[in-house]
PDB file of N, CA and C in Angstrom:
ATOM      1  N   MET A   1      96.803  92.080  95.084  1.00  0.00           N
ATOM      2  CA  MET A   1      98.184  92.537  95.137  1.00  0.00           C
ATOM      3  C   MET A   1      98.213  94.034  94.830  1.00  0.00           C
ATOM      4  N   LEU A   2      99.015  94.740  95.582  1.00  0.00           N
ATOM      5  CA  LEU A   2      99.215  96.172  95.416  1.00  0.00           C
ATOM      6  C   LEU A   2     100.638  96.377  94.905  1.00  0.00           C
ATOM      7  N   SER A   3     100.808  97.178  93.865  1.00  0.00           N
ATOM      8  CA  SER A   3     102.137  97.472  93.328  1.00  0.00           C
ATOM      9  C   SER A   3     102.458  98.940  93.559  1.00  0.00           C
ATOM     10  N   ALA A   4     103.682  99.215  94.036  1.00  0.00           N
ATOM     11  CA  ALA A   4     104.098 100.597  94.270  1.00  0.00           C
ATOM     12  C   ALA A   4     105.614 100.689  94.166  1.00  0.00           C
ATOM     13  N   ARG A   5     106.090 101.842  93.657  1.00  0.00           N
ATOM     14  CA  ARG A   5     107.536 102.076  93.609  1.00  0.00           C
ATOM     15  C   ARG A   5     108.066 102.178  95.029  1.00  0.00           C
ATOM     16  N   ILE A   6     109.296 101.773  95.214  1.00  0.00           N
ATOM     17  CA  ILE A   6     109.889 101.714  96.537  1.00  0.00           C
ATOM     18  C   ILE A   6     109.904 103.089  97.216  1.00  0.00           C
ATOM     19  N   GLN A   7     110.118 104.160  96.447  1.00  0.00           N
ATOM     20  CA  GLN A   7     110.132 105.500  97.030  1.00  0.00           C
ATOM     21  C   GLN A   7     108.759 105.905  97.558  1.00  0.00           C
ATOM     22  N   GLU A   8     107.696 105.388  96.974  1.00  0.00           N
ATOM     23  CA  GLU A   8     106.345 105.694  97.442  1.00  0.00           C
ATOM     24  C   GLU A   8     106.015 104.969  98.738  1.00  0.00           C
ATOM     25  N   LEU A   9     106.812 103.976  99.096  1.00  0.00           N
ATOM     26  CA  LEU A   9     106.562 103.197 100.298  1.00  0.00           C
ATOM     27  C   LEU A   9     107.430 103.628 101.481  1.00  0.00           C
ATOM     28  N   TYR A  10     108.294 104.640 101.293  1.00  0.00           N
ATOM     29  CA  TYR A  10     109.105 105.113 102.416  1.00  0.00           C
ATOM     30  C   TYR A  10     108.187 105.551 103.555  1.00  0.00           C
ATOM     31  N   GLY A  11     108.487 105.102 104.738  1.00  0.00           N
ATOM     32  CA  GLY A  11     107.707 105.473 105.912  1.00  0.00           C
ATOM     33  C   GLY A  11     106.513 104.568 106.176  1.00  0.00           C
ATOM     34  N   VAL A  12     106.220 103.644 105.278  1.00  0.00           N
ATOM     35  CA  VAL A  12     105.103 102.723 105.472  1.00  0.00           C
ATOM     36  C   VAL A  12     105.666 101.411 106.003  1.00  0.00           C
ATOM     37  N   SER A  13     105.203 101.008 107.173  1.00  0.00           N
ATOM     38  CA  SER A  13     105.711  99.759 107.731  1.00  0.00           C
ATOM     39  C   SER A  13     104.598  98.867 108.263  1.00  0.00           C
ATOM     40  N   SER A  14     103.373  99.283 108.099  1.00  0.00           N
ATOM     41  CA  SER A  14     102.267  98.474 108.612  1.00  0.00           C
ATOM     42  C   SER A  14     101.831  97.442 107.584  1.00  0.00           C
ATOM     43  N   LYS A  15     101.076  96.465 108.055  1.00  0.00           N
ATOM     44  CA  LYS A  15     100.529  95.450 107.160  1.00  0.00           C
ATOM     45  C   LYS A  15      99.204  95.947 106.615  1.00  0.00           C
ATOM     46  N   PHE A  16      98.948  95.646 105.357  1.00  0.00           N
ATOM     47  CA  PHE A  16      97.671  95.989 104.734  1.00  0.00           C
ATOM     48  C   PHE A  16      96.802  94.739 104.739  1.00  0.00           C
ATOM     49  N   THR A  17      95.572  94.898 105.206  1.00  0.00           N
ATOM     50  CA  THR A  17      94.665  93.753 105.249  1.00  0.00           C
ATOM     51  C   THR A  17      93.296  94.143 104.723  1.00  0.00           C
ATOM     52  N   LEU A  18      92.554  93.132 104.340  1.00  0.00           N
ATOM     53  CA  LEU A  18      91.173  93.284 103.896  1.00  0.00           C
ATOM     54  C   LEU A  18      90.303  92.342 104.723  1.00  0.00           C
ATOM     55  N   GLY A  19      89.006  92.560 104.670  1.00  0.00           N
ATOM     56  CA  GLY A  19      88.089  91.649 105.352  1.00  0.00           C
ATOM     57  C   GLY A  19      88.267  91.644 106.848  1.00  0.00           C
ATOM     58  N   HIS A  20      88.304  92.838 107.447  1.00  0.00           N
ATOM     59  CA  HIS A  20      88.466  92.982 108.905  1.00  0.00           C
ATOM     60  C   HIS A  20      89.736  92.295 109.416  1.00  0.00           C
ATOM     61  N   GLY A  21      90.807  92.419 108.646  1.00  0.00           N
ATOM     62  CA  GLY A  21      92.103  91.907 109.069  1.00  0.00           C
ATOM     63  C   GLY A  21      92.336  90.441 108.775  1.00  0.00           C
ATOM     64  N   ARG A  22      91.440  89.802 108.049  1.00  0.00           N
ATOM     65  CA  ARG A  22      91.569  88.361 107.798  1.00  0.00           C
ATOM     66  C   ARG A  22      92.424  88.035 106.581  1.00  0.00           C
ATOM     67  N   VAL A  23      92.526  88.943 105.610  1.00  0.00           N
ATOM     68  CA  VAL A  23      93.263  88.669 104.369  1.00  0.00           C
ATOM     69  C   VAL A  23      94.396  89.687 104.224  1.00  0.00           C
ATOM     70  N   ALA A  24      95.621  89.191 104.211  1.00  0.00           N
ATOM     71  CA  ALA A  24      96.780  90.074 104.043  1.00  0.00           C
ATOM     72  C   ALA A  24      96.937  90.435 102.569  1.00  0.00           C
ATOM     73  N   VAL A  25      97.254  91.699 102.316  1.00  0.00           N
ATOM     74  CA  VAL A  25      97.466  92.168 100.949  1.00  0.00           C
ATOM     75  C   VAL A  25      98.953  92.035 100.621  1.00  0.00           C
ATOM     76  N   LYS A  26      99.258  91.374  99.534  1.00  0.00           N
ATOM     77  CA  LYS A  26     100.643  91.263  99.063  1.00  0.00           C
ATOM     78  C   LYS A  26     101.031  92.579  98.400  1.00  0.00           C
ATOM     79  N   ILE A  27     102.246  93.022  98.668  1.00  0.00           N
ATOM     80  CA  ILE A  27     102.741  94.267  98.097  1.00  0.00           C
ATOM     81  C   ILE A  27     103.921  93.940  97.188  1.00  0.00           C
ATOM     82  N   GLU A  28     103.799  94.358  95.939  1.00  0.00           N
ATOM     83  CA  GLU A  28     104.866  94.192  94.966  1.00  0.00           C
ATOM     84  C   GLU A  28     105.681  95.481  94.973  1.00  0.00           C
ATOM     85  N   VAL A  29     106.873  95.416  95.520  1.00  0.00           N
ATOM     86  CA  VAL A  29     107.754  96.577  95.606  1.00  0.00           C
ATOM     87  C   VAL A  29     108.479  96.707  94.265  1.00  0.00           C
ATOM     88  N   LEU A  30     108.354  97.887  93.662  1.00  0.00           N
ATOM     89  CA  LEU A  30     108.917  98.108  92.337  1.00  0.00           C
ATOM     90  C   LEU A  30     110.148  99.010  92.402  1.00  0.00           C
ATOM     91  N   ALA A  31     111.088  98.757  91.508  1.00  0.00           N
ATOM     92  CA  ALA A  31     112.241  99.640  91.328  1.00  0.00           C
ATOM     93  C   ALA A  31     111.763 100.895  90.596  1.00  0.00           C
ATOM     94  N   PRO A  32     112.581 101.938  90.517  1.00  0.00           N
ATOM     95  CA  PRO A  32     112.190 103.137  89.776  1.00  0.00           C
ATOM     96  C   PRO A  32     111.818 102.870  88.315  1.00  0.00           C
ATOM     97  N   SER A  33     112.292 101.776  87.761  1.00  0.00           N
ATOM     98  CA  SER A  33     111.967 101.425  86.382  1.00  0.00           C
ATOM     99  C   SER A  33     110.640 100.676  86.268  1.00  0.00           C
ATOM    100  N   GLN A  34     109.918 100.564  87.384  1.00  0.00           N
ATOM    101  CA  GLN A  34     108.633  99.857  87.461  1.00  0.00           C
ATOM    102  C   GLN A  34     108.791  98.336  87.369  1.00  0.00           C
ATOM    103  N   ARG A  35     109.991  97.826  87.554  1.00  0.00           N
ATOM    104  CA  ARG A  35     110.214  96.376  87.565  1.00  0.00           C
ATOM    105  C   ARG A  35     110.129  95.865  89.002  1.00  0.00           C
ATOM    106  N   PRO A  36     109.505  94.717  89.216  1.00  0.00           N
ATOM    107  CA  PRO A  36     109.379  94.190  90.583  1.00  0.00           C
ATOM    108  C   PRO A  36     110.728  93.768  91.151  1.00  0.00           C
ATOM    109  N   ILE A  37     110.953  94.118  92.418  1.00  0.00           N
ATOM    110  CA  ILE A  37     112.177  93.702  93.092  1.00  0.00           C
ATOM    111  C   ILE A  37     111.881  92.819  94.303  1.00  0.00           C
ATOM    112  N   GLN A  38     110.649  92.883  94.806  1.00  0.00           N
ATOM    113  CA  GLN A  38     110.283  92.084  95.980  1.00  0.00           C
ATOM    114  C   GLN A  38     108.770  92.006  96.078  1.00  0.00           C
ATOM    115  N   VAL A  39     108.260  90.871  96.535  1.00  0.00           N
ATOM    116  CA  VAL A  39     106.844  90.722  96.857  1.00  0.00           C
ATOM    117  C   VAL A  39     106.776  90.335  98.323  1.00  0.00           C
ATOM    118  N   THR A  40     106.001  91.084  99.100  1.00  0.00           N
ATOM    119  CA  THR A  40     105.929  90.850 100.538  1.00  0.00           C
ATOM    120  C   THR A  40     104.549  91.185 101.074  1.00  0.00           C
ATOM    121  N   ASP A  41     104.220  90.635 102.215  1.00  0.00           N
ATOM    122  CA  ASP A  41     103.014  91.057 102.925  1.00  0.00           C
ATOM    123  C   ASP A  41     103.387  91.650 104.277  1.00  0.00           C
ATOM    124  N   ASP A  42     104.701  91.799 104.526  1.00  0.00           N
ATOM    125  CA  ASP A  42     105.193  92.358 105.781  1.00  0.00           C
ATOM    126  C   ASP A  42     106.249  93.432 105.477  1.00  0.00           C
ATOM    127  N   LEU A  43     105.808  94.678 105.348  1.00  0.00           N
ATOM    128  CA  LEU A  43     106.744  95.757 104.998  1.00  0.00           C
ATOM    129  C   LEU A  43     107.759  96.039 106.096  1.00  0.00           C
ATOM    130  N   SER A  44     107.380  95.876 107.356  1.00  0.00           N
ATOM    131  CA  SER A  44     108.346  96.146 108.424  1.00  0.00           C
ATOM    132  C   SER A  44     109.528  95.180 108.325  1.00  0.00           C
ATOM    133  N   ASN A  45     109.270  93.933 108.030  1.00  0.00           N
ATOM    134  CA  ASN A  45     110.345  92.963 107.836  1.00  0.00           C
ATOM    135  C   ASN A  45     111.152  93.285 106.579  1.00  0.00           C
ATOM    136  N   PHE A  46     110.476  93.715 105.518  1.00  0.00           N
ATOM    137  CA  PHE A  46     111.182  94.104 104.295  1.00  0.00           C
ATOM    138  C   PHE A  46     112.168  95.226 104.580  1.00  0.00           C
ATOM    139  N   TRP A  47     111.739  96.285 105.267  1.00  0.00           N
ATOM    140  CA  TRP A  47     112.630  97.418 105.548  1.00  0.00           C
ATOM    141  C   TRP A  47     113.786  97.009 106.456  1.00  0.00           C
ATOM    142  N   ARG A  48     113.523  96.111 107.394  1.00  0.00           N
ATOM    143  CA  ARG A  48     114.544  95.712 108.361  1.00  0.00           C
ATOM    144  C   ARG A  48     115.529  94.699 107.771  1.00  0.00           C
ATOM    145  N   GLU A  49     115.038  93.708 107.017  1.00  0.00           N
ATOM    146  CA  GLU A  49     115.886  92.607 106.565  1.00  0.00           C
ATOM    147  C   GLU A  49     116.337  92.709 105.102  1.00  0.00           C
ATOM    148  N   GLN A  50     115.431  92.990 104.188  1.00  0.00           N
ATOM    149  CA  GLN A  50     115.738  92.922 102.762  1.00  0.00           C
ATOM    150  C   GLN A  50     116.283  94.224 102.180  1.00  0.00           C
ATOM    151  N   TYR A  51     115.711  95.344 102.588  1.00  0.00           N
ATOM    152  CA  TYR A  51     116.099  96.621 101.990  1.00  0.00           C
ATOM    153  C   TYR A  51     117.591  96.925 102.140  1.00  0.00           C
ATOM    154  N   PRO A  52     118.201  96.724 103.313  1.00  0.00           N
ATOM    155  CA  PRO A  52     119.650  97.002 103.392  1.00  0.00           C
ATOM    156  C   PRO A  52     120.481  96.181 102.402  1.00  0.00           C
ATOM    157  N   LYS A  53     120.023  94.989 102.063  1.00  0.00           N
ATOM    158  CA  LYS A  53     120.766  94.136 101.137  1.00  0.00           C
ATOM    159  C   LYS A  53     120.667  94.629  99.689  1.00  0.00           C
ATOM    160  N   ILE A  54     119.524  95.185  99.310  1.00  0.00           N
ATOM    161  CA  ILE A  54     119.321  95.588  97.919  1.00  0.00           C
ATOM    162  C   ILE A  54     119.537  97.085  97.679  1.00  0.00           C
ATOM    163  N   LYS A  55     119.644  97.849  98.753  1.00  0.00           N
ATOM    164  CA  LYS A  55     119.769  99.304  98.624  1.00  0.00           C
ATOM    165  C   LYS A  55     121.017  99.711  97.844  1.00  0.00           C
ATOM    166  N   THR A  56     122.148  99.118  98.114  1.00  0.00           N
ATOM    167  CA  THR A  56     123.387  99.521  97.433  1.00  0.00           C
ATOM    168  C   THR A  56     123.314  99.229  95.935  1.00  0.00           C
ATOM    169  N   GLU A  57     122.755  98.069  95.580  1.00  0.00           N
ATOM    170  CA  GLU A  57     122.633  97.737  94.156  1.00  0.00           C
ATOM    171  C   GLU A  57     121.670  98.689  93.449  1.00  0.00           C
ATOM    172  N   LEU A  58     120.548  98.977  94.086  1.00  0.00           N
ATOM    173  CA  LEU A  58     119.577  99.884  93.477  1.00  0.00           C
ATOM    174  C   LEU A  58     120.119 101.308  93.371  1.00  0.00           C
ATOM    175  N   SER A  59     120.835 101.760  94.387  1.00  0.00           N
ATOM    176  CA  SER A  59     121.367 103.130  94.339  1.00  0.00           C
ATOM    177  C   SER A  59     122.445 103.268  93.267  1.00  0.00           C
ATOM    178  N   ARG A  60     123.164 102.189  92.980  1.00  0.00           N
ATOM    179  CA  ARG A  60     124.134 102.208  91.889  1.00  0.00           C
ATOM    180  C   ARG A  60     123.440 102.211  90.530  1.00  0.00           C
ATOM    181  N   ARG A  61     122.381 101.432  90.422  1.00  0.00           N
ATOM    182  CA  ARG A  61     121.667 101.303  89.159  1.00  0.00           C
ATOM    183  C   ARG A  61     120.813 102.538  88.854  1.00  0.00           C
ATOM    184  N   TYR A  62     120.277 103.177  89.896  1.00  0.00           N
ATOM    185  CA  TYR A  62     119.401 104.353  89.735  1.00  0.00           C
ATOM    186  C   TYR A  62     119.935 105.503  90.601  1.00  0.00           C
ATOM    187  N   PRO A  63     121.041 106.129  90.214  1.00  0.00           N
ATOM    188  CA  PRO A  63     121.682 107.136  91.067  1.00  0.00           C
ATOM    189  C   PRO A  63     120.905 108.445  91.210  1.00  0.00           C
ATOM    190  N   ARG A  64     119.973 108.722  90.326  1.00  0.00           N
ATOM    191  CA  ARG A  64     119.243 109.997  90.391  1.00  0.00           C
ATOM    192  C   ARG A  64     118.038 109.946  91.315  1.00  0.00           C
ATOM    193  N   HIS A  65     117.758 108.796  91.882  1.00  0.00           N
ATOM    194  CA  HIS A  65     116.591 108.657  92.741  1.00  0.00           C
ATOM    195  C   HIS A  65     116.997 108.732  94.206  1.00  0.00           C
ATOM    196  N   GLU A  66     116.030 109.091  95.034  1.00  0.00           N
ATOM    197  CA  GLU A  66     116.265 109.215  96.489  1.00  0.00           C
ATOM    198  C   GLU A  66     116.341 107.830  97.106  1.00  0.00           C
ATOM    199  N   TRP A  67     117.363 107.618  97.934  1.00  0.00           N
ATOM    200  CA  TRP A  67     117.536 106.354  98.662  1.00  0.00           C
ATOM    201  C   TRP A  67     117.756 106.676 100.123  1.00  0.00           C
ATOM    202  N   ARG A  68     116.805 106.304 100.952  1.00  0.00           N
ATOM    203  CA  ARG A  68     116.905 106.566 102.405  1.00  0.00           C
ATOM    204  C   ARG A  68     117.505 105.394 103.119  1.00  0.00           C
TER     205      ARG A  68
END
């Protein structure tokens, strides 16, 4: 499992794999407070489906951070 703050993942939409593409890497998406908000192995789906739903809540909770 790879953990990264959501702002560090902006622009990343590919899947991470190991073992010549046989093992998908789970990504733990963290809020600016380093708390997990989502675990996924498909970032493109996360940005398309989940991020719009949680963006407003996160931007209210962490107003000083960049939200694209």
